[in-house]
Each structure stands twice: as C-alpha cells, then as structure tokens.
Amino acid sequence: MSSLCCHLYVSPCFLFYFEESSVSMFSVFCFTLPCGILFICVSCVSPATFIHYSYSRDVGGGSGSSFSTEGEGRITAIRVWEIYGAYITGIQLRYDNSWADVVGRIYDTPQEMELFDGEAIDQISGKFDNNYIYQVIFGTSRGRSLIVGQPTQGSFNFYPNHPDAELRLLSGRFNGNGITSLGAHWGVVFTH
C-alpha cells in the first residue's frame, strides 16, 4: 500500500521538509546558517512524486482480505466488474500502459473507460451497504463518467482535498464474491 509521510522540523538555524511515498521520494533541505546564508538542497530519488495527498476514508462493511492498487505513473484506464442487479465484484486500474492486478474477482464482461491524455479521475461516488459496494461512478476532469452497478443502499462521494490532485490508488477489502469496502487516495503526479 502506498503511503505519504510529511515531516517539517524547525529550529532557530535549521528547517527540514521531507515527503516520502513508496512510489517515489522528493526531499527539500533548507539550512539557515548563523550568518544568515540560506542553503537549499533538492533531491529526487525516483522519476515521479506526488504531493497534496489526501485520503477518502473507506465505506462498506469491510469483510474479507484487504487490498491496495499499485502502479507507476498516472491512471489511464479503469475496468469494473459487477453481478448485474447486485454488487461490484472487481476493479482494475491501468497505470500508464500497464494494468495493475484485479482487486476482487472477475465476473462476466467488465465495463471500461480509457482516459484521454491529460484527463484524470477526480471524483468517485456510488452506493454501499454493510455487505458490498453496489455502485461506483468514476468522474473525470473532463466531465466524463463511468457508471457501474445498482443505485440502491447508502451513498458515498469521494474527492481530493486539493483541486490539482487526482486519484492515485484505491484501497479496501474484498471477499470471494465481491468488493466489501472501498477507499480512495489522491495526490498530484509530476513526471520527469
């Protein structure tokens, strides 16, 4: 599971800011010397980093095994499987040109949306109860959406805390039948 940690340390002569994720790492070191000279060091350890991280807490009952999607780069497509008239069974994200593992299970034919260049998923909503996720709606920065599932049960609506952030990964739980809980992780992606 990807995570993002931010640390800010301040003392009379030292300021240190650090962001870290399992996808990438970006560090900025600022030193103020007693004579008033400011020294800045920027370090990039991998080809991509994301900032403005936020988490939309998972909804649903949460039975079964935990999952977290992972991949490098931006999300460029999504697939969703459902049992028609029932609940969501599986979800798969494509990062750049590589499909991540399916979370949940494959059932019948998926519904799929491929994103345009520069398009991002910036909202997820849907329906859930204590057993399963019944509907997911993935909204994009270009006003398009992928709607899969049944509009029954309680509602949820996920979106990033920062206007320039986009969906980075999904987490939650699934059992042998389908997705039982779902959460969303958001961040800004910079590629070098």
N, C-alpha and C. Protein backbone atom coordinates (compact mmCIF):
# COMPACT_ATOMS: atom_id res chain seq x y z
N MET A 1 0.83 -1.17 0.00
CA MET A 1 0.00 0.00 0.00
C MET A 1 0.87 1.23 0.00
N SER A 2 0.57 2.18 -0.86
CA SER A 2 1.33 3.41 -0.90
C SER A 2 0.94 4.28 0.27
N SER A 3 1.91 5.00 0.78
CA SER A 3 1.62 5.95 1.83
C SER A 3 2.46 7.18 1.58
N LEU A 4 2.08 8.27 2.21
CA LEU A 4 2.82 9.51 2.04
C LEU A 4 3.04 10.09 3.41
N CYS A 5 4.29 10.40 3.72
CA CYS A 5 4.63 10.98 5.01
C CYS A 5 5.24 12.34 4.77
N CYS A 6 4.86 13.30 5.58
CA CYS A 6 5.45 14.64 5.50
C CYS A 6 5.97 14.98 6.88
N HIS A 7 7.17 15.49 6.93
CA HIS A 7 7.78 15.88 8.18
C HIS A 7 8.31 17.30 8.02
N LEU A 8 8.08 18.15 9.00
CA LEU A 8 8.60 19.51 8.99
C LEU A 8 9.25 19.75 10.34
N TYR A 9 10.54 19.98 10.33
CA TYR A 9 11.28 20.25 11.55
C TYR A 9 11.82 21.68 11.47
N VAL A 10 11.64 22.43 12.53
CA VAL A 10 12.12 23.81 12.53
C VAL A 10 12.90 24.03 13.82
N SER A 11 14.05 24.66 13.70
CA SER A 11 14.82 25.10 14.85
C SER A 11 15.37 26.48 14.50
N PRO A 12 16.00 27.20 15.42
CA PRO A 12 16.49 28.54 15.10
C PRO A 12 17.42 28.58 13.89
N CYS A 13 18.19 27.53 13.63
CA CYS A 13 19.08 27.58 12.48
C CYS A 13 18.83 26.49 11.46
N PHE A 14 17.70 25.80 11.53
CA PHE A 14 17.54 24.64 10.64
C PHE A 14 16.07 24.44 10.31
N LEU A 15 15.77 24.25 9.02
CA LEU A 15 14.43 23.91 8.57
C LEU A 15 14.56 22.72 7.65
N PHE A 16 13.74 21.70 7.87
CA PHE A 16 13.81 20.47 7.06
C PHE A 16 12.40 20.07 6.70
N TYR A 17 12.16 19.87 5.39
CA TYR A 17 10.87 19.41 4.90
C TYR A 17 11.10 18.16 4.09
N PHE A 18 10.29 17.12 4.33
CA PHE A 18 10.53 15.81 3.71
C PHE A 18 9.21 15.20 3.34
N GLU A 19 9.08 14.73 2.09
CA GLU A 19 7.91 13.96 1.65
C GLU A 19 8.41 12.63 1.14
N GLU A 20 7.69 11.57 1.49
CA GLU A 20 8.11 10.24 1.08
C GLU A 20 6.89 9.41 0.73
N SER A 21 6.99 8.62 -0.32
CA SER A 21 5.96 7.65 -0.65
C SER A 21 6.64 6.40 -1.18
N SER A 22 5.91 5.30 -1.19
CA SER A 22 6.50 4.07 -1.73
C SER A 22 6.63 4.16 -3.24
N VAL A 23 5.90 5.08 -3.87
CA VAL A 23 6.02 5.27 -5.32
C VAL A 23 7.26 6.09 -5.64
N SER A 24 7.56 7.08 -4.81
CA SER A 24 8.68 7.96 -5.10
C SER A 24 9.07 8.73 -3.85
N MET A 25 10.15 9.48 -3.98
CA MET A 25 10.60 10.29 -2.86
C MET A 25 11.13 11.61 -3.38
N PHE A 26 10.80 12.71 -2.73
CA PHE A 26 11.24 14.03 -3.09
C PHE A 26 11.62 14.72 -1.78
N SER A 27 12.80 15.24 -1.68
CA SER A 27 13.26 15.86 -0.44
C SER A 27 13.74 17.27 -0.71
N VAL A 28 13.44 18.16 0.22
CA VAL A 28 13.94 19.52 0.16
C VAL A 28 14.58 19.81 1.51
N PHE A 29 15.83 20.23 1.50
CA PHE A 29 16.53 20.58 2.71
C PHE A 29 16.84 22.07 2.65
N CYS A 30 16.48 22.80 3.68
CA CYS A 30 16.81 24.22 3.76
C CYS A 30 17.57 24.45 5.05
N PHE A 31 18.72 25.02 4.96
CA PHE A 31 19.54 25.30 6.12
C PHE A 31 19.75 26.80 6.20
N THR A 32 19.49 27.40 7.34
CA THR A 32 19.82 28.79 7.57
C THR A 32 21.00 28.80 8.53
N LEU A 33 22.11 29.30 8.03
CA LEU A 33 23.32 29.33 8.84
C LEU A 33 23.29 30.55 9.75
N PRO A 34 24.04 30.54 10.86
CA PRO A 34 24.03 31.66 11.81
C PRO A 34 24.36 32.99 11.15
N CYS A 35 25.11 32.97 10.05
CA CYS A 35 25.47 34.23 9.40
C CYS A 35 24.39 34.72 8.44
N GLY A 36 23.24 34.03 8.37
CA GLY A 36 22.13 34.48 7.55
C GLY A 36 22.09 33.92 6.15
N ILE A 37 22.99 33.01 5.80
CA ILE A 37 23.01 32.42 4.47
C ILE A 37 22.00 31.28 4.43
N LEU A 38 21.17 31.25 3.38
CA LEU A 38 20.19 30.19 3.20
C LEU A 38 20.74 29.19 2.20
N PHE A 39 20.77 27.93 2.59
CA PHE A 39 21.25 26.86 1.73
C PHE A 39 20.09 25.94 1.44
N ILE A 40 19.82 25.66 0.15
CA ILE A 40 18.70 24.79 -0.24
C ILE A 40 19.25 23.64 -1.06
N CYS A 41 18.82 22.43 -0.71
CA CYS A 41 19.21 21.23 -1.44
C CYS A 41 17.94 20.48 -1.82
N VAL A 42 17.76 20.19 -3.11
CA VAL A 42 16.61 19.44 -3.59
C VAL A 42 17.09 18.11 -4.12
N SER A 43 16.41 17.04 -3.73
CA SER A 43 16.82 15.70 -4.14
C SER A 43 15.61 14.93 -4.65
N CYS A 44 15.71 14.36 -5.84
CA CYS A 44 14.68 13.46 -6.37
C CYS A 44 15.28 12.08 -6.48
N VAL A 45 14.67 11.11 -5.81
CA VAL A 45 15.22 9.77 -5.78
C VAL A 45 14.62 8.89 -6.88
N SER A 46 13.41 9.21 -7.38
CA SER A 46 12.81 8.40 -8.42
C SER A 46 12.15 9.29 -9.46
N PRO A 47 11.69 8.74 -10.57
CA PRO A 47 11.21 9.57 -11.66
C PRO A 47 9.87 10.25 -11.45
N ALA A 48 9.11 9.92 -10.41
CA ALA A 48 7.82 10.58 -10.19
C ALA A 48 7.60 10.78 -8.70
N THR A 49 6.84 11.80 -8.37
CA THR A 49 6.49 12.05 -6.98
C THR A 49 5.09 12.64 -6.95
N PHE A 50 4.40 12.50 -5.83
CA PHE A 50 3.12 13.16 -5.73
C PHE A 50 3.02 13.91 -4.41
N ILE A 51 2.30 15.03 -4.47
CA ILE A 51 2.10 15.87 -3.30
C ILE A 51 0.61 16.15 -3.17
N HIS A 52 0.25 16.96 -2.21
CA HIS A 52 -1.15 17.27 -1.94
C HIS A 52 -1.95 15.99 -1.74
N TYR A 53 -1.43 15.12 -0.91
CA TYR A 53 -2.05 13.82 -0.63
C TYR A 53 -3.28 14.00 0.25
N SER A 54 -4.34 13.26 -0.05
CA SER A 54 -5.49 13.16 0.85
C SER A 54 -6.10 11.77 0.70
N TYR A 55 -6.87 11.39 1.68
CA TYR A 55 -7.47 10.05 1.72
C TYR A 55 -8.95 10.17 1.98
N SER A 56 -9.75 9.53 1.14
CA SER A 56 -11.19 9.42 1.37
C SER A 56 -11.43 8.09 2.08
N ARG A 57 -11.81 8.19 3.33
CA ARG A 57 -11.97 7.01 4.20
C ARG A 57 -12.92 6.00 3.58
N ASP A 58 -12.58 4.71 3.73
CA ASP A 58 -13.35 3.66 3.09
C ASP A 58 -14.77 3.56 3.65
N VAL A 59 -15.67 3.10 2.77
CA VAL A 59 -17.06 2.85 3.12
C VAL A 59 -17.34 1.38 2.89
N GLY A 60 -18.35 0.85 3.56
CA GLY A 60 -18.72 -0.56 3.41
C GLY A 60 -18.38 -1.35 4.65
N GLY A 61 -18.85 -2.59 4.67
CA GLY A 61 -18.67 -3.45 5.84
C GLY A 61 -17.26 -3.88 6.09
N GLY A 62 -16.50 -4.11 5.04
CA GLY A 62 -15.09 -4.41 5.20
C GLY A 62 -14.74 -5.83 5.59
N SER A 63 -15.53 -6.83 5.20
CA SER A 63 -15.13 -8.20 5.49
C SER A 63 -14.18 -8.70 4.41
N GLY A 64 -13.40 -9.71 4.71
CA GLY A 64 -12.51 -10.31 3.72
C GLY A 64 -11.10 -9.78 3.78
N SER A 65 -10.40 -9.92 2.67
CA SER A 65 -8.99 -9.55 2.57
C SER A 65 -8.83 -8.09 2.16
N SER A 66 -7.79 -7.45 2.68
CA SER A 66 -7.54 -6.06 2.31
C SER A 66 -6.83 -6.00 0.96
N PHE A 67 -6.99 -4.86 0.27
CA PHE A 67 -6.31 -4.65 -1.00
C PHE A 67 -5.88 -3.21 -1.12
N SER A 68 -4.91 -2.98 -1.98
CA SER A 68 -4.47 -1.65 -2.37
C SER A 68 -3.92 -1.77 -3.78
N THR A 69 -4.46 -0.97 -4.69
CA THR A 69 -3.95 -0.99 -6.06
C THR A 69 -2.58 -0.32 -6.05
N GLU A 70 -1.75 -0.69 -7.00
CA GLU A 70 -0.47 0.00 -7.09
C GLU A 70 0.03 -0.05 -8.52
N GLY A 71 0.77 1.00 -8.87
CA GLY A 71 1.34 1.11 -10.19
C GLY A 71 2.13 2.40 -10.28
N GLU A 72 2.92 2.53 -11.32
CA GLU A 72 3.72 3.73 -11.50
C GLU A 72 3.14 4.57 -12.62
N GLY A 73 3.17 5.88 -12.43
CA GLY A 73 2.63 6.79 -13.42
C GLY A 73 1.21 7.17 -13.11
N ARG A 74 0.54 7.73 -14.11
CA ARG A 74 -0.84 8.18 -13.95
C ARG A 74 -1.81 7.06 -14.28
N ILE A 75 -3.00 7.13 -13.71
CA ILE A 75 -4.06 6.20 -14.06
C ILE A 75 -4.60 6.60 -15.43
N THR A 76 -4.62 5.64 -16.36
CA THR A 76 -5.03 5.93 -17.73
C THR A 76 -6.28 5.16 -18.17
N ALA A 77 -6.74 4.20 -17.39
CA ALA A 77 -7.96 3.46 -17.72
C ALA A 77 -8.44 2.72 -16.47
N ILE A 78 -9.71 2.33 -16.51
CA ILE A 78 -10.29 1.60 -15.38
C ILE A 78 -11.28 0.58 -15.92
N ARG A 79 -11.32 -0.58 -15.24
CA ARG A 79 -12.29 -1.65 -15.54
C ARG A 79 -13.05 -1.98 -14.26
N VAL A 80 -14.34 -2.25 -14.41
CA VAL A 80 -15.17 -2.62 -13.26
C VAL A 80 -16.06 -3.80 -13.65
N TRP A 81 -16.10 -4.83 -12.80
CA TRP A 81 -16.96 -5.99 -12.99
C TRP A 81 -18.09 -5.93 -11.97
N GLU A 82 -19.26 -6.40 -12.36
CA GLU A 82 -20.41 -6.44 -11.46
C GLU A 82 -21.26 -7.67 -11.74
N ILE A 83 -22.02 -8.08 -10.74
CA ILE A 83 -23.11 -9.02 -10.95
C ILE A 83 -24.33 -8.15 -11.20
N TYR A 84 -24.86 -8.22 -12.40
CA TYR A 84 -25.97 -7.34 -12.78
C TYR A 84 -27.12 -7.49 -11.79
N GLY A 85 -27.60 -6.35 -11.31
CA GLY A 85 -28.69 -6.34 -10.35
C GLY A 85 -28.24 -6.57 -8.92
N ALA A 86 -26.93 -6.70 -8.72
CA ALA A 86 -26.43 -7.00 -7.37
C ALA A 86 -25.31 -6.02 -6.99
N TYR A 87 -24.04 -6.45 -7.00
CA TYR A 87 -22.96 -5.65 -6.45
C TYR A 87 -21.72 -5.70 -7.33
N ILE A 88 -20.74 -4.88 -6.96
CA ILE A 88 -19.46 -4.79 -7.69
C ILE A 88 -18.58 -5.97 -7.26
N THR A 89 -18.05 -6.70 -8.23
CA THR A 89 -17.21 -7.86 -7.91
C THR A 89 -15.72 -7.57 -8.02
N GLY A 90 -15.31 -6.68 -8.94
CA GLY A 90 -13.88 -6.44 -9.12
C GLY A 90 -13.60 -5.10 -9.79
N ILE A 91 -12.39 -4.59 -9.55
CA ILE A 91 -11.93 -3.32 -10.12
C ILE A 91 -10.47 -3.50 -10.54
N GLN A 92 -10.11 -2.88 -11.65
CA GLN A 92 -8.73 -2.90 -12.13
C GLN A 92 -8.38 -1.53 -12.69
N LEU A 93 -7.19 -1.03 -12.32
CA LEU A 93 -6.69 0.26 -12.82
C LEU A 93 -5.50 0.03 -13.76
N ARG A 94 -5.39 0.87 -14.77
CA ARG A 94 -4.20 0.85 -15.63
C ARG A 94 -3.38 2.09 -15.31
N TYR A 95 -2.10 1.87 -15.00
CA TYR A 95 -1.16 2.96 -14.73
C TYR A 95 -0.26 3.09 -15.96
N ASP A 96 -0.26 4.26 -16.60
CA ASP A 96 0.41 4.46 -17.88
C ASP A 96 -0.03 3.36 -18.83
N ASN A 97 0.83 2.43 -19.21
CA ASN A 97 0.44 1.38 -20.16
C ASN A 97 0.33 -0.01 -19.53
N SER A 98 0.39 -0.10 -18.20
CA SER A 98 0.38 -1.41 -17.54
C SER A 98 -0.83 -1.56 -16.62
N TRP A 99 -1.57 -2.65 -16.82
CA TRP A 99 -2.71 -2.94 -15.94
C TRP A 99 -2.22 -3.50 -14.61
N ALA A 100 -2.74 -2.95 -13.53
CA ALA A 100 -2.45 -3.47 -12.19
C ALA A 100 -3.27 -4.74 -12.00
N ASP A 101 -3.02 -5.44 -10.90
CA ASP A 101 -3.78 -6.65 -10.58
C ASP A 101 -5.25 -6.30 -10.36
N VAL A 102 -6.12 -7.24 -10.68
CA VAL A 102 -7.55 -7.08 -10.40
C VAL A 102 -7.74 -7.22 -8.89
N VAL A 103 -8.52 -6.32 -8.29
CA VAL A 103 -8.90 -6.48 -6.89
C VAL A 103 -10.34 -6.98 -6.88
N GLY A 104 -10.60 -7.98 -6.06
CA GLY A 104 -11.90 -8.63 -6.08
C GLY A 104 -11.85 -9.79 -7.06
N ARG A 105 -12.95 -9.98 -7.79
CA ARG A 105 -12.97 -11.09 -8.74
C ARG A 105 -13.56 -10.66 -10.07
N ILE A 106 -13.13 -11.36 -11.11
CA ILE A 106 -13.65 -11.13 -12.46
C ILE A 106 -14.95 -11.89 -12.60
N TYR A 107 -15.98 -11.19 -13.10
CA TYR A 107 -17.27 -11.83 -13.33
C TYR A 107 -17.84 -11.28 -14.63
N ASP A 108 -18.02 -12.13 -15.61
CA ASP A 108 -18.59 -11.74 -16.89
C ASP A 108 -17.70 -10.69 -17.58
N THR A 109 -18.29 -9.75 -18.30
CA THR A 109 -17.55 -8.76 -19.09
C THR A 109 -17.45 -7.45 -18.30
N PRO A 110 -16.26 -6.85 -18.23
CA PRO A 110 -16.13 -5.60 -17.48
C PRO A 110 -16.68 -4.41 -18.26
N GLN A 111 -17.04 -3.38 -17.54
CA GLN A 111 -17.28 -2.08 -18.15
C GLN A 111 -15.97 -1.31 -18.01
N GLU A 112 -15.58 -0.59 -19.04
CA GLU A 112 -14.25 0.01 -19.08
C GLU A 112 -14.31 1.45 -19.59
N MET A 113 -13.41 2.28 -19.08
CA MET A 113 -13.24 3.63 -19.59
C MET A 113 -11.75 3.91 -19.73
N GLU A 114 -11.35 4.37 -20.91
CA GLU A 114 -9.97 4.79 -21.15
C GLU A 114 -9.93 6.31 -21.08
N LEU A 115 -8.97 6.84 -20.33
CA LEU A 115 -8.86 8.29 -20.17
C LEU A 115 -8.09 8.90 -21.34
N PHE A 116 -8.45 10.13 -21.68
CA PHE A 116 -7.73 10.88 -22.70
C PHE A 116 -6.41 11.39 -22.11
N ASP A 117 -5.48 11.82 -22.98
CA ASP A 117 -4.24 12.41 -22.50
C ASP A 117 -4.55 13.61 -21.61
N GLY A 118 -3.96 13.65 -20.43
CA GLY A 118 -4.16 14.75 -19.50
C GLY A 118 -5.44 14.66 -18.67
N GLU A 119 -6.28 13.68 -18.94
CA GLU A 119 -7.52 13.51 -18.17
C GLU A 119 -7.22 12.70 -16.91
N ALA A 120 -7.92 12.99 -15.83
CA ALA A 120 -7.69 12.31 -14.56
C ALA A 120 -9.01 12.01 -13.87
N ILE A 121 -9.02 11.00 -13.04
CA ILE A 121 -10.18 10.71 -12.20
C ILE A 121 -10.14 11.65 -11.01
N ASP A 122 -11.18 12.48 -10.86
CA ASP A 122 -11.18 13.46 -9.77
C ASP A 122 -12.40 13.34 -8.85
N GLN A 123 -13.19 12.28 -9.03
CA GLN A 123 -14.32 12.04 -8.12
C GLN A 123 -14.76 10.59 -8.24
N ILE A 124 -15.13 10.00 -7.12
CA ILE A 124 -15.71 8.65 -7.10
C ILE A 124 -16.92 8.72 -6.18
N SER A 125 -18.05 8.25 -6.67
CA SER A 125 -19.24 8.18 -5.83
C SER A 125 -19.92 6.84 -6.07
N GLY A 126 -20.99 6.58 -5.35
CA GLY A 126 -21.68 5.31 -5.54
C GLY A 126 -22.57 4.96 -4.37
N LYS A 127 -22.87 3.66 -4.29
CA LYS A 127 -23.78 3.13 -3.27
C LYS A 127 -23.14 1.94 -2.57
N PHE A 128 -23.46 1.78 -1.28
CA PHE A 128 -22.89 0.69 -0.48
C PHE A 128 -23.84 0.33 0.65
N ASP A 129 -23.61 -0.85 1.24
CA ASP A 129 -24.25 -1.21 2.50
C ASP A 129 -23.22 -1.95 3.34
N ASN A 130 -23.66 -2.66 4.37
CA ASN A 130 -22.72 -3.35 5.25
C ASN A 130 -22.08 -4.58 4.63
N ASN A 131 -22.55 -5.00 3.47
CA ASN A 131 -22.01 -6.20 2.85
C ASN A 131 -21.14 -5.92 1.63
N TYR A 132 -21.61 -5.06 0.71
CA TYR A 132 -20.91 -4.86 -0.55
C TYR A 132 -21.00 -3.42 -1.05
N ILE A 133 -20.14 -3.12 -2.01
CA ILE A 133 -20.25 -1.89 -2.79
C ILE A 133 -21.20 -2.22 -3.95
N TYR A 134 -22.29 -1.48 -4.05
CA TYR A 134 -23.32 -1.79 -5.04
C TYR A 134 -23.17 -0.97 -6.33
N GLN A 135 -22.56 0.19 -6.25
CA GLN A 135 -22.39 1.02 -7.43
C GLN A 135 -21.14 1.87 -7.27
N VAL A 136 -20.42 2.07 -8.37
CA VAL A 136 -19.31 3.04 -8.39
C VAL A 136 -19.48 3.92 -9.63
N ILE A 137 -19.21 5.20 -9.42
CA ILE A 137 -19.23 6.19 -10.51
C ILE A 137 -17.89 6.90 -10.47
N PHE A 138 -17.08 6.72 -11.50
CA PHE A 138 -15.79 7.39 -11.60
C PHE A 138 -15.96 8.61 -12.49
N GLY A 139 -15.76 9.81 -11.93
CA GLY A 139 -15.86 11.06 -12.69
C GLY A 139 -14.49 11.57 -13.05
N THR A 140 -14.37 12.21 -14.22
CA THR A 140 -13.06 12.68 -14.69
C THR A 140 -13.00 14.20 -14.76
N SER A 141 -11.80 14.70 -14.93
CA SER A 141 -11.54 16.13 -15.04
C SER A 141 -12.14 16.73 -16.32
N ARG A 142 -12.56 15.91 -17.24
CA ARG A 142 -13.21 16.39 -18.48
C ARG A 142 -14.72 16.21 -18.45
N GLY A 143 -15.27 15.91 -17.29
CA GLY A 143 -16.72 15.80 -17.15
C GLY A 143 -17.31 14.48 -17.61
N ARG A 144 -16.46 13.51 -17.92
CA ARG A 144 -16.96 12.19 -18.32
C ARG A 144 -17.12 11.31 -17.08
N SER A 145 -17.87 10.22 -17.21
CA SER A 145 -18.02 9.31 -16.07
C SER A 145 -18.24 7.88 -16.55
N LEU A 146 -17.82 6.95 -15.70
CA LEU A 146 -18.10 5.53 -15.87
C LEU A 146 -19.02 5.15 -14.72
N ILE A 147 -20.22 4.67 -15.04
CA ILE A 147 -21.22 4.31 -14.03
C ILE A 147 -21.45 2.81 -14.12
N VAL A 148 -21.19 2.11 -13.00
CA VAL A 148 -21.36 0.66 -12.97
C VAL A 148 -22.08 0.30 -11.68
N GLY A 149 -23.11 -0.55 -11.78
CA GLY A 149 -23.79 -1.06 -10.60
C GLY A 149 -25.19 -0.53 -10.43
N GLN A 150 -25.73 -0.81 -9.27
CA GLN A 150 -27.13 -0.53 -8.95
C GLN A 150 -27.26 0.66 -8.00
N PRO A 151 -28.18 1.60 -8.30
CA PRO A 151 -28.35 2.78 -7.44
C PRO A 151 -29.24 2.48 -6.22
N THR A 152 -28.78 1.56 -5.38
CA THR A 152 -29.53 1.23 -4.17
C THR A 152 -28.62 1.34 -2.96
N GLN A 153 -29.18 1.42 -1.78
CA GLN A 153 -28.46 1.47 -0.49
C GLN A 153 -27.97 2.89 -0.19
N GLY A 154 -26.97 3.00 0.73
CA GLY A 154 -26.45 4.30 1.15
C GLY A 154 -25.49 4.88 0.13
N SER A 155 -25.32 6.19 0.15
CA SER A 155 -24.48 6.89 -0.82
C SER A 155 -23.12 7.26 -0.25
N PHE A 156 -22.11 7.34 -1.13
CA PHE A 156 -20.81 7.91 -0.77
C PHE A 156 -20.33 8.79 -1.90
N ASN A 157 -19.44 9.72 -1.56
CA ASN A 157 -18.87 10.63 -2.55
C ASN A 157 -17.44 10.96 -2.13
N PHE A 158 -16.48 10.54 -2.93
CA PHE A 158 -15.05 10.78 -2.65
C PHE A 158 -14.52 11.84 -3.62
N TYR A 159 -13.67 12.71 -3.12
CA TYR A 159 -12.99 13.69 -3.96
C TYR A 159 -11.73 14.15 -3.22
N PRO A 160 -10.74 14.67 -3.95
CA PRO A 160 -9.50 15.10 -3.30
C PRO A 160 -9.68 16.40 -2.51
N ASN A 161 -8.83 16.60 -1.52
CA ASN A 161 -8.85 17.85 -0.74
C ASN A 161 -8.19 19.00 -1.48
N HIS A 162 -7.39 18.70 -2.50
CA HIS A 162 -6.67 19.72 -3.25
C HIS A 162 -7.16 19.73 -4.69
N PRO A 163 -7.45 20.89 -5.28
CA PRO A 163 -8.05 20.94 -6.61
C PRO A 163 -7.17 20.39 -7.72
N ASP A 164 -5.86 20.33 -7.51
CA ASP A 164 -4.97 19.82 -8.55
C ASP A 164 -4.62 18.34 -8.36
N ALA A 165 -5.23 17.68 -7.38
CA ALA A 165 -4.94 16.27 -7.13
C ALA A 165 -5.86 15.37 -7.96
N GLU A 166 -5.44 14.12 -8.14
CA GLU A 166 -6.19 13.12 -8.89
C GLU A 166 -6.10 11.78 -8.18
N LEU A 167 -6.91 10.83 -8.61
CA LEU A 167 -6.88 9.50 -7.99
C LEU A 167 -5.53 8.86 -8.22
N ARG A 168 -4.92 8.34 -7.15
CA ARG A 168 -3.63 7.66 -7.24
C ARG A 168 -3.78 6.16 -7.01
N LEU A 169 -4.65 5.77 -6.08
CA LEU A 169 -4.87 4.36 -5.83
C LEU A 169 -6.17 4.16 -5.06
N LEU A 170 -6.65 2.93 -5.10
CA LEU A 170 -7.83 2.53 -4.35
C LEU A 170 -7.41 1.53 -3.27
N SER A 171 -8.11 1.53 -2.17
CA SER A 171 -7.86 0.53 -1.13
C SER A 171 -9.21 0.08 -0.58
N GLY A 172 -9.20 -1.00 0.17
CA GLY A 172 -10.43 -1.51 0.75
C GLY A 172 -10.32 -2.98 1.07
N ARG A 173 -11.45 -3.68 0.97
CA ARG A 173 -11.49 -5.11 1.28
C ARG A 173 -12.40 -5.82 0.27
N PHE A 174 -12.14 -7.12 0.10
CA PHE A 174 -12.98 -7.95 -0.76
C PHE A 174 -13.04 -9.35 -0.19
N ASN A 175 -14.12 -10.07 -0.51
CA ASN A 175 -14.21 -11.48 -0.14
C ASN A 175 -14.33 -12.30 -1.42
N GLY A 176 -14.71 -13.54 -1.34
CA GLY A 176 -14.78 -14.39 -2.52
C GLY A 176 -15.86 -14.00 -3.52
N ASN A 177 -16.77 -13.11 -3.12
CA ASN A 177 -17.86 -12.70 -4.00
C ASN A 177 -17.64 -11.33 -4.64
N GLY A 178 -17.14 -10.36 -3.87
CA GLY A 178 -17.01 -9.02 -4.43
C GLY A 178 -16.33 -8.05 -3.49
N ILE A 179 -16.40 -6.76 -3.86
CA ILE A 179 -15.78 -5.68 -3.09
C ILE A 179 -16.68 -5.35 -1.90
N THR A 180 -16.12 -5.43 -0.68
CA THR A 180 -16.91 -5.18 0.53
C THR A 180 -16.68 -3.79 1.12
N SER A 181 -15.53 -3.16 0.81
CA SER A 181 -15.30 -1.78 1.24
C SER A 181 -14.37 -1.12 0.23
N LEU A 182 -14.45 0.22 0.16
CA LEU A 182 -13.68 0.97 -0.83
C LEU A 182 -13.27 2.31 -0.28
N GLY A 183 -12.00 2.68 -0.47
CA GLY A 183 -11.48 3.99 -0.11
C GLY A 183 -10.64 4.51 -1.26
N ALA A 184 -10.36 5.83 -1.28
CA ALA A 184 -9.61 6.44 -2.38
C ALA A 184 -8.47 7.29 -1.84
N HIS A 185 -7.34 7.25 -2.53
CA HIS A 185 -6.14 8.01 -2.18
C HIS A 185 -5.85 8.97 -3.34
N TRP A 186 -5.62 10.24 -3.01
CA TRP A 186 -5.48 11.29 -4.01
C TRP A 186 -4.12 11.96 -3.89
N GLY A 187 -3.58 12.45 -4.99
CA GLY A 187 -2.33 13.18 -4.96
C GLY A 187 -2.06 13.80 -6.32
N VAL A 188 -1.08 14.70 -6.36
CA VAL A 188 -0.65 15.34 -7.60
C VAL A 188 0.52 14.54 -8.12
N VAL A 189 0.53 14.25 -9.41
CA VAL A 189 1.60 13.47 -10.02
C VAL A 189 2.46 14.38 -10.88
N PHE A 190 3.76 14.35 -10.64
CA PHE A 190 4.72 15.03 -11.51
C PHE A 190 5.61 13.98 -12.12
N THR A 191 5.72 13.97 -13.43
CA THR A 191 6.62 13.04 -14.10
C THR A 191 7.78 13.83 -14.66
N HIS A 192 8.97 13.24 -14.60
CA HIS A 192 10.18 13.92 -15.05
C HIS A 192 10.65 13.31 -16.34
